[in-house]
Amino acid sequence: MTAPNELRLLPWSGSDGKPCYLSTDDKAGFMSRLADNIEAVQLGMAAELLNHASETLGDEDSAPEDVRLLADKLTGSLREAPRVAISRGNLLTAGEPHRF
């Protein structure tokens, strides 16, 4: 059995909202690559959202519903960011050579 500190936190949660973990000896396997790709997409979307936030908040004519939508999207992005940071941090501390 894999030790808990050797499990990879995946960038999605289960249907009950609990974290999902991956136990594998194949660090370049399909699920690991899928997780890497999803993390990259999440971080890319967060960067784009941050740029959009700067534009929206800098525009005095932004409608309140636009600002609310922005806050909703930022909240989702901030919810994902710690999971990606924890997962990648664990990979680094495991001493695994990994590309992102």
Protein backbone atom coordinates (compact mmCIF):
# COMPACT_ATOMS: atom_id res chain seq x y z
CA MET A 1 0.00 0.00 0.00
CA THR A 2 1.19 3.51 -0.80
CA ALA A 3 1.95 5.77 2.17
CA PRO A 4 -0.37 8.80 2.47
CA ASN A 5 2.52 11.20 1.81
CA GLU A 6 3.17 9.39 -1.49
CA LEU A 7 -0.34 9.93 -2.81
CA ARG A 8 -0.83 12.66 -5.36
CA LEU A 9 -3.60 15.14 -4.68
CA LEU A 10 -5.58 15.42 -7.90
CA PRO A 11 -6.92 18.74 -9.23
CA TRP A 12 -10.55 17.64 -8.88
CA SER A 13 -12.75 16.39 -6.08
CA GLY A 14 -15.14 13.50 -5.81
CA SER A 15 -18.89 13.75 -6.12
CA ASP A 16 -19.09 14.27 -2.37
CA GLY A 17 -16.62 17.18 -2.55
CA LYS A 18 -13.82 15.24 -0.87
CA PRO A 19 -10.29 15.32 -2.33
CA CYS A 20 -9.20 12.64 -4.79
CA TYR A 21 -5.76 11.07 -4.68
CA LEU A 22 -3.71 9.03 -7.11
CA SER A 23 -1.54 6.10 -6.11
CA THR A 24 0.71 4.95 -8.92
CA ASP A 25 4.21 3.78 -9.62
CA ASP A 26 4.00 5.29 -13.11
CA LYS A 27 4.62 9.00 -12.55
CA ALA A 28 4.36 9.61 -16.31
CA GLY A 29 1.21 7.53 -16.70
CA PHE A 30 -2.08 8.66 -18.17
CA MET A 31 -3.65 9.84 -14.89
CA SER A 32 -0.52 11.75 -13.84
CA ARG A 33 -0.34 13.47 -17.24
CA LEU A 34 -4.07 14.23 -17.11
CA ALA A 35 -3.66 15.81 -13.67
CA ASP A 36 -0.66 17.83 -14.92
CA ASN A 37 -2.66 19.08 -17.90
CA ILE A 38 -5.71 20.02 -15.82
CA GLU A 39 -3.50 21.87 -13.33
CA ALA A 40 -1.89 23.77 -16.20
CA VAL A 41 -5.31 24.72 -17.57
CA GLN A 42 -6.49 25.83 -14.11
CA LEU A 43 -3.42 28.02 -13.63
CA GLY A 44 -3.71 29.45 -17.13
CA MET A 45 -7.36 30.29 -16.61
CA ALA A 46 -6.50 31.92 -13.27
CA ALA A 47 -3.92 34.14 -15.00
CA GLU A 48 -6.44 35.15 -17.67
CA LEU A 49 -9.05 35.81 -15.01
CA LEU A 50 -6.63 38.01 -13.10
CA ASN A 51 -6.07 40.12 -16.22
CA HIS A 52 -9.83 40.32 -16.76
CA ALA A 53 -10.28 41.37 -13.13
CA SER A 54 -7.81 44.22 -13.55
CA GLU A 55 -9.69 45.44 -16.61
CA THR A 56 -13.15 45.08 -15.07
CA LEU A 57 -12.26 46.73 -11.78
CA GLY A 58 -10.37 49.49 -13.59
CA ASP A 59 -13.45 50.34 -15.67
CA GLU A 60 -15.71 52.76 -13.83
CA ASP A 61 -18.57 51.76 -16.12
CA SER A 62 -18.46 48.06 -15.18
CA ALA A 63 -21.96 46.85 -14.40
CA PRO A 64 -22.62 45.39 -10.94
CA GLU A 65 -23.59 42.05 -12.49
CA ASP A 66 -20.20 41.94 -14.27
CA VAL A 67 -18.42 42.53 -10.97
CA ARG A 68 -20.52 39.81 -9.27
CA LEU A 69 -19.73 37.35 -12.06
CA LEU A 70 -16.06 38.26 -11.76
CA ALA A 71 -16.17 37.64 -7.99
CA ASP A 72 -17.80 34.26 -8.58
CA LYS A 73 -15.14 33.22 -11.11
CA LEU A 74 -12.32 34.51 -8.89
CA THR A 75 -13.71 32.52 -5.97
CA GLY A 76 -13.68 29.34 -8.05
CA SER A 77 -10.15 30.01 -9.23
CA LEU A 78 -8.94 30.69 -5.69
CA ARG A 79 -10.57 27.45 -4.57
CA GLU A 80 -8.49 25.52 -7.14
CA ALA A 81 -5.16 27.28 -6.57
CA PRO A 82 -4.31 25.83 -3.13
CA ARG A 83 -5.04 22.30 -4.37
CA VAL A 84 -2.59 22.79 -7.27
CA ALA A 85 0.01 24.32 -4.94
CA ILE A 86 -0.29 21.46 -2.45
CA SER A 87 -0.09 18.83 -5.17
CA ARG A 88 2.94 20.38 -6.84
CA GLY A 89 4.63 21.08 -3.51
CA ASN A 90 4.21 17.44 -2.51
CA LEU A 91 5.72 16.34 -5.82
CA LEU A 92 8.72 18.60 -5.22
CA THR A 93 9.28 17.42 -1.66
CA ALA A 94 9.09 13.82 -2.84
CA GLY A 95 12.20 14.65 -4.88
CA GLU A 96 10.50 13.60 -8.06
CA PRO A 97 11.84 15.11 -11.26
CA HIS A 98 8.64 16.39 -12.79
CA ARG A 99 7.77 18.74 -15.58
CA PHE A 100 4.75 21.02 -15.42
